[in-house]
């Protein structure tokens, strides 16, 4: 992903609210499965790392991106924005 595409996705992500939260339990197989299924439908999503989580934001991000084969758009504070184009019905067209 180049910087122009990343900037475009950041612009789209400003309007999105986080739909997943990572707490004390960390990243589980079930969580990965839900993120994977949601990426197929939405393509772009935000995840929040709660303050009670003992996980490191970068480690969590790496774990999620490797398991779901997606790309990180940005990390701001405790929020991760990820993107993966849909296989069946792509909605977001990158510039």
N, C-alpha and C. Protein backbone atom coordinates (compact mmCIF):
# COMPACT_ATOMS: atom_id res chain seq x y z
N UNK A 1 0.84 -1.17 0.00
CA UNK A 1 0.00 0.00 0.00
C UNK A 1 0.89 1.24 0.00
N UNK A 2 0.63 2.14 -0.91
CA UNK A 2 1.44 3.35 -0.97
C UNK A 2 0.83 4.46 -0.10
N UNK A 3 1.52 5.58 0.00
CA UNK A 3 1.09 6.65 0.91
C UNK A 3 -0.21 7.31 0.45
N UNK A 4 -0.44 7.37 -0.84
CA UNK A 4 -1.68 7.96 -1.35
C UNK A 4 -2.89 7.11 -0.97
N UNK A 5 -2.75 5.80 -1.10
CA UNK A 5 -3.83 4.89 -0.72
C UNK A 5 -4.07 4.93 0.78
N UNK A 6 -2.99 4.97 1.55
CA UNK A 6 -3.10 5.04 3.00
C UNK A 6 -3.79 6.32 3.45
N UNK A 7 -3.46 7.44 2.82
CA UNK A 7 -4.09 8.72 3.14
C UNK A 7 -5.59 8.68 2.83
N UNK A 8 -5.94 8.06 1.71
CA UNK A 8 -7.35 7.93 1.33
C UNK A 8 -8.10 7.09 2.37
N UNK A 9 -7.50 5.98 2.80
CA UNK A 9 -8.14 5.12 3.80
C UNK A 9 -8.24 5.83 5.15
N UNK A 10 -7.24 6.62 5.52
CA UNK A 10 -7.31 7.39 6.76
C UNK A 10 -8.48 8.37 6.73
N UNK A 11 -8.69 8.98 5.57
CA UNK A 11 -9.80 9.91 5.39
C UNK A 11 -11.14 9.19 5.60
N UNK A 12 -11.27 8.02 5.01
CA UNK A 12 -12.50 7.23 5.18
C UNK A 12 -12.68 6.77 6.63
N UNK A 13 -11.59 6.46 7.30
CA UNK A 13 -11.64 5.93 8.66
C UNK A 13 -12.06 6.96 9.69
N UNK A 14 -11.95 8.24 9.37
CA UNK A 14 -12.34 9.28 10.32
C UNK A 14 -13.80 9.18 10.71
N UNK A 15 -14.63 8.70 9.81
CA UNK A 15 -16.07 8.62 10.04
C UNK A 15 -16.50 7.32 10.71
N UNK A 16 -15.59 6.38 10.85
CA UNK A 16 -15.91 5.06 11.39
C UNK A 16 -15.70 5.04 12.91
N UNK A 17 -16.60 4.38 13.62
CA UNK A 17 -16.41 4.18 15.05
C UNK A 17 -15.85 2.78 15.27
N UNK A 18 -15.03 2.57 16.29
CA UNK A 18 -14.48 1.24 16.55
C UNK A 18 -15.60 0.25 16.90
N UNK A 19 -15.55 -0.93 16.30
CA UNK A 19 -16.58 -1.92 16.59
C UNK A 19 -16.05 -3.10 17.41
N UNK A 20 -14.75 -3.20 17.55
CA UNK A 20 -14.15 -4.25 18.38
C UNK A 20 -13.30 -3.63 19.47
N UNK A 21 -13.26 -4.32 20.62
CA UNK A 21 -12.44 -3.88 21.73
C UNK A 21 -11.62 -5.05 22.24
N UNK A 22 -10.39 -4.78 22.58
CA UNK A 22 -9.51 -5.80 23.15
C UNK A 22 -9.29 -5.44 24.61
N UNK A 23 -9.66 -6.35 25.49
CA UNK A 23 -9.53 -6.10 26.91
C UNK A 23 -8.51 -7.01 27.56
N UNK A 24 -8.81 -7.43 28.79
CA UNK A 24 -7.90 -8.28 29.56
C UNK A 24 -7.60 -9.60 28.86
N UNK A 25 -8.58 -10.15 28.19
CA UNK A 25 -8.42 -11.45 27.55
C UNK A 25 -7.45 -11.45 26.39
N UNK A 26 -7.16 -10.29 25.86
CA UNK A 26 -6.24 -10.21 24.72
C UNK A 26 -6.89 -10.68 23.43
N UNK A 27 -6.06 -11.08 22.50
CA UNK A 27 -6.52 -11.53 21.19
C UNK A 27 -6.70 -13.04 21.23
N UNK A 28 -7.93 -13.50 21.00
CA UNK A 28 -8.24 -14.93 21.02
C UNK A 28 -8.56 -15.40 19.60
N UNK A 29 -8.69 -16.71 19.43
CA UNK A 29 -9.03 -17.27 18.12
C UNK A 29 -10.40 -16.79 17.68
N UNK A 30 -11.34 -16.72 18.63
CA UNK A 30 -12.69 -16.27 18.31
C UNK A 30 -12.68 -14.81 17.87
N UNK A 31 -11.88 -13.98 18.52
CA UNK A 31 -11.75 -12.57 18.16
C UNK A 31 -11.21 -12.45 16.73
N UNK A 32 -10.17 -13.21 16.42
CA UNK A 32 -9.57 -13.20 15.08
C UNK A 32 -10.60 -13.61 14.03
N UNK A 33 -11.39 -14.62 14.34
CA UNK A 33 -12.42 -15.10 13.42
C UNK A 33 -13.45 -14.00 13.15
N UNK A 34 -13.88 -13.30 14.21
CA UNK A 34 -14.87 -12.23 14.04
C UNK A 34 -14.29 -11.07 13.23
N UNK A 35 -13.04 -10.71 13.49
CA UNK A 35 -12.39 -9.63 12.73
C UNK A 35 -12.26 -10.03 11.26
N UNK A 36 -11.89 -11.26 11.01
CA UNK A 36 -11.74 -11.76 9.64
C UNK A 36 -13.06 -11.68 8.88
N UNK A 37 -14.14 -12.12 9.51
CA UNK A 37 -15.46 -12.09 8.88
C UNK A 37 -15.92 -10.65 8.64
N UNK A 38 -15.65 -9.78 9.59
CA UNK A 38 -16.06 -8.38 9.46
C UNK A 38 -15.26 -7.67 8.38
N UNK A 39 -13.98 -7.99 8.25
CA UNK A 39 -13.16 -7.40 7.19
C UNK A 39 -13.69 -7.77 5.81
N UNK A 40 -14.22 -8.98 5.67
CA UNK A 40 -14.76 -9.41 4.39
C UNK A 40 -15.97 -8.57 4.01
N UNK A 41 -16.75 -8.15 5.00
CA UNK A 41 -17.94 -7.36 4.73
C UNK A 41 -17.64 -5.87 4.64
N UNK A 42 -16.88 -5.33 5.61
CA UNK A 42 -16.67 -3.88 5.70
C UNK A 42 -15.38 -3.39 5.06
N UNK A 43 -14.38 -4.22 4.96
CA UNK A 43 -13.06 -3.91 4.40
C UNK A 43 -12.20 -3.00 5.28
N UNK A 44 -12.78 -1.99 5.89
CA UNK A 44 -12.04 -1.04 6.71
C UNK A 44 -12.69 -1.01 8.09
N UNK A 45 -11.89 -1.24 9.14
CA UNK A 45 -12.47 -1.20 10.48
C UNK A 45 -11.46 -0.74 11.51
N UNK A 46 -12.02 -0.29 12.63
CA UNK A 46 -11.21 0.18 13.75
C UNK A 46 -11.38 -0.75 14.94
N UNK A 47 -10.29 -0.91 15.68
CA UNK A 47 -10.27 -1.73 16.88
C UNK A 47 -9.67 -0.89 18.00
N UNK A 48 -10.28 -0.97 19.18
CA UNK A 48 -9.79 -0.22 20.33
C UNK A 48 -9.13 -1.17 21.32
N UNK A 49 -7.97 -0.80 21.80
CA UNK A 49 -7.29 -1.53 22.87
C UNK A 49 -7.63 -0.83 24.17
N UNK A 50 -8.39 -1.51 25.03
CA UNK A 50 -8.83 -0.90 26.28
C UNK A 50 -7.66 -0.68 27.23
N UNK A 51 -7.81 0.27 28.12
CA UNK A 51 -6.72 0.62 29.05
C UNK A 51 -6.44 -0.49 30.07
N UNK A 52 -7.43 -1.38 30.32
CA UNK A 52 -7.19 -2.47 31.26
C UNK A 52 -6.45 -3.65 30.63
N UNK A 53 -6.20 -3.56 29.33
CA UNK A 53 -5.45 -4.61 28.64
C UNK A 53 -3.96 -4.45 28.93
N UNK A 54 -3.30 -5.57 29.15
CA UNK A 54 -1.86 -5.54 29.42
C UNK A 54 -1.04 -5.74 28.16
N UNK A 55 -1.72 -5.84 27.03
CA UNK A 55 -1.06 -6.08 25.74
C UNK A 55 -0.42 -4.79 25.20
N UNK A 56 0.61 -4.96 24.40
CA UNK A 56 1.24 -3.84 23.71
C UNK A 56 0.52 -3.64 22.38
N UNK A 57 0.23 -2.40 22.03
CA UNK A 57 -0.54 -2.09 20.83
C UNK A 57 0.13 -2.61 19.56
N UNK A 58 1.44 -2.53 19.48
CA UNK A 58 2.14 -3.00 18.28
C UNK A 58 2.13 -4.52 18.17
N UNK A 59 2.26 -5.22 19.31
CA UNK A 59 2.20 -6.68 19.29
C UNK A 59 0.81 -7.16 18.89
N UNK A 60 -0.21 -6.52 19.42
CA UNK A 60 -1.59 -6.86 19.08
C UNK A 60 -1.83 -6.62 17.59
N UNK A 61 -1.37 -5.50 17.10
CA UNK A 61 -1.53 -5.17 15.68
C UNK A 61 -0.86 -6.20 14.79
N UNK A 62 0.35 -6.58 15.12
CA UNK A 62 1.06 -7.60 14.34
C UNK A 62 0.32 -8.92 14.37
N UNK A 63 -0.18 -9.29 15.52
CA UNK A 63 -0.91 -10.56 15.66
C UNK A 63 -2.17 -10.57 14.79
N UNK A 64 -2.90 -9.47 14.82
CA UNK A 64 -4.14 -9.38 14.03
C UNK A 64 -3.84 -9.36 12.54
N UNK A 65 -2.86 -8.57 12.12
CA UNK A 65 -2.57 -8.47 10.69
C UNK A 65 -2.02 -9.78 10.11
N UNK A 66 -1.23 -10.50 10.88
CA UNK A 66 -0.72 -11.78 10.40
C UNK A 66 -1.83 -12.81 10.30
N UNK A 67 -2.73 -12.83 11.27
CA UNK A 67 -3.80 -13.84 11.30
C UNK A 67 -4.88 -13.57 10.25
N UNK A 68 -5.14 -12.30 9.95
CA UNK A 68 -6.22 -11.98 9.02
C UNK A 68 -5.73 -11.54 7.64
N UNK A 69 -4.43 -11.44 7.46
CA UNK A 69 -3.84 -11.05 6.19
C UNK A 69 -4.34 -9.67 5.73
N UNK A 70 -4.34 -8.73 6.66
CA UNK A 70 -4.78 -7.37 6.35
C UNK A 70 -3.62 -6.40 6.51
N UNK A 71 -3.85 -5.14 6.20
CA UNK A 71 -2.81 -4.13 6.32
C UNK A 71 -3.22 -3.07 7.33
N UNK A 72 -2.25 -2.55 8.03
CA UNK A 72 -2.49 -1.49 9.00
C UNK A 72 -2.55 -0.16 8.26
N UNK A 73 -3.62 0.57 8.50
CA UNK A 73 -3.75 1.90 7.92
C UNK A 73 -3.10 2.91 8.85
N UNK A 74 -3.45 2.81 10.15
CA UNK A 74 -2.85 3.71 11.14
C UNK A 74 -3.08 3.19 12.54
N UNK A 75 -2.22 3.65 13.44
CA UNK A 75 -2.38 3.41 14.87
C UNK A 75 -2.30 4.77 15.54
N UNK A 76 -3.38 5.13 16.21
CA UNK A 76 -3.40 6.40 16.94
C UNK A 76 -3.81 6.08 18.37
N UNK A 77 -2.91 6.32 19.29
CA UNK A 77 -3.20 6.04 20.70
C UNK A 77 -3.49 4.57 20.91
N UNK A 78 -4.72 4.28 21.29
CA UNK A 78 -5.14 2.89 21.52
C UNK A 78 -6.10 2.40 20.44
N UNK A 79 -6.10 3.05 19.28
CA UNK A 79 -6.99 2.66 18.19
C UNK A 79 -6.18 2.21 16.99
N UNK A 80 -6.59 1.05 16.46
CA UNK A 80 -5.95 0.46 15.30
C UNK A 80 -6.95 0.52 14.14
N UNK A 81 -6.50 0.97 12.98
CA UNK A 81 -7.34 0.94 11.79
C UNK A 81 -6.69 -0.01 10.81
N UNK A 82 -7.48 -1.00 10.34
CA UNK A 82 -6.96 -2.00 9.41
C UNK A 82 -7.83 -2.07 8.16
N UNK A 83 -7.23 -2.58 7.09
CA UNK A 83 -7.92 -2.67 5.80
C UNK A 83 -7.55 -3.96 5.10
N UNK A 84 -8.55 -4.56 4.48
CA UNK A 84 -8.33 -5.69 3.58
C UNK A 84 -9.45 -5.68 2.55
N UNK A 85 -9.11 -5.65 1.26
CA UNK A 85 -10.17 -5.64 0.24
C UNK A 85 -10.98 -6.93 0.28
N UNK A 86 -12.26 -6.81 0.07
CA UNK A 86 -13.16 -7.96 0.07
C UNK A 86 -12.91 -8.82 -1.16
N UNK A 87 -12.99 -10.11 -0.98
CA UNK A 87 -12.80 -11.04 -2.10
C UNK A 87 -14.06 -11.10 -2.95
N UNK A 88 -15.22 -11.14 -2.30
CA UNK A 88 -16.49 -11.30 -3.00
C UNK A 88 -17.10 -10.00 -3.52
N UNK A 89 -17.18 -8.99 -2.65
CA UNK A 89 -17.82 -7.73 -3.04
C UNK A 89 -16.97 -6.53 -2.61
N UNK A 90 -15.92 -6.19 -3.36
CA UNK A 90 -15.12 -5.03 -2.98
C UNK A 90 -15.93 -3.74 -3.10
N UNK A 91 -15.91 -2.92 -2.06
CA UNK A 91 -16.65 -1.67 -2.02
C UNK A 91 -15.70 -0.47 -2.14
N UNK A 92 -14.61 -0.52 -1.41
CA UNK A 92 -13.68 0.59 -1.41
C UNK A 92 -12.71 0.46 -2.59
N UNK A 93 -12.69 1.51 -3.40
CA UNK A 93 -11.77 1.54 -4.54
C UNK A 93 -10.62 2.48 -4.21
N UNK A 94 -9.43 1.95 -4.16
CA UNK A 94 -8.26 2.76 -3.83
C UNK A 94 -7.84 3.60 -5.02
N UNK A 95 -7.37 4.83 -4.77
CA UNK A 95 -6.95 5.71 -5.87
C UNK A 95 -5.67 5.22 -6.55
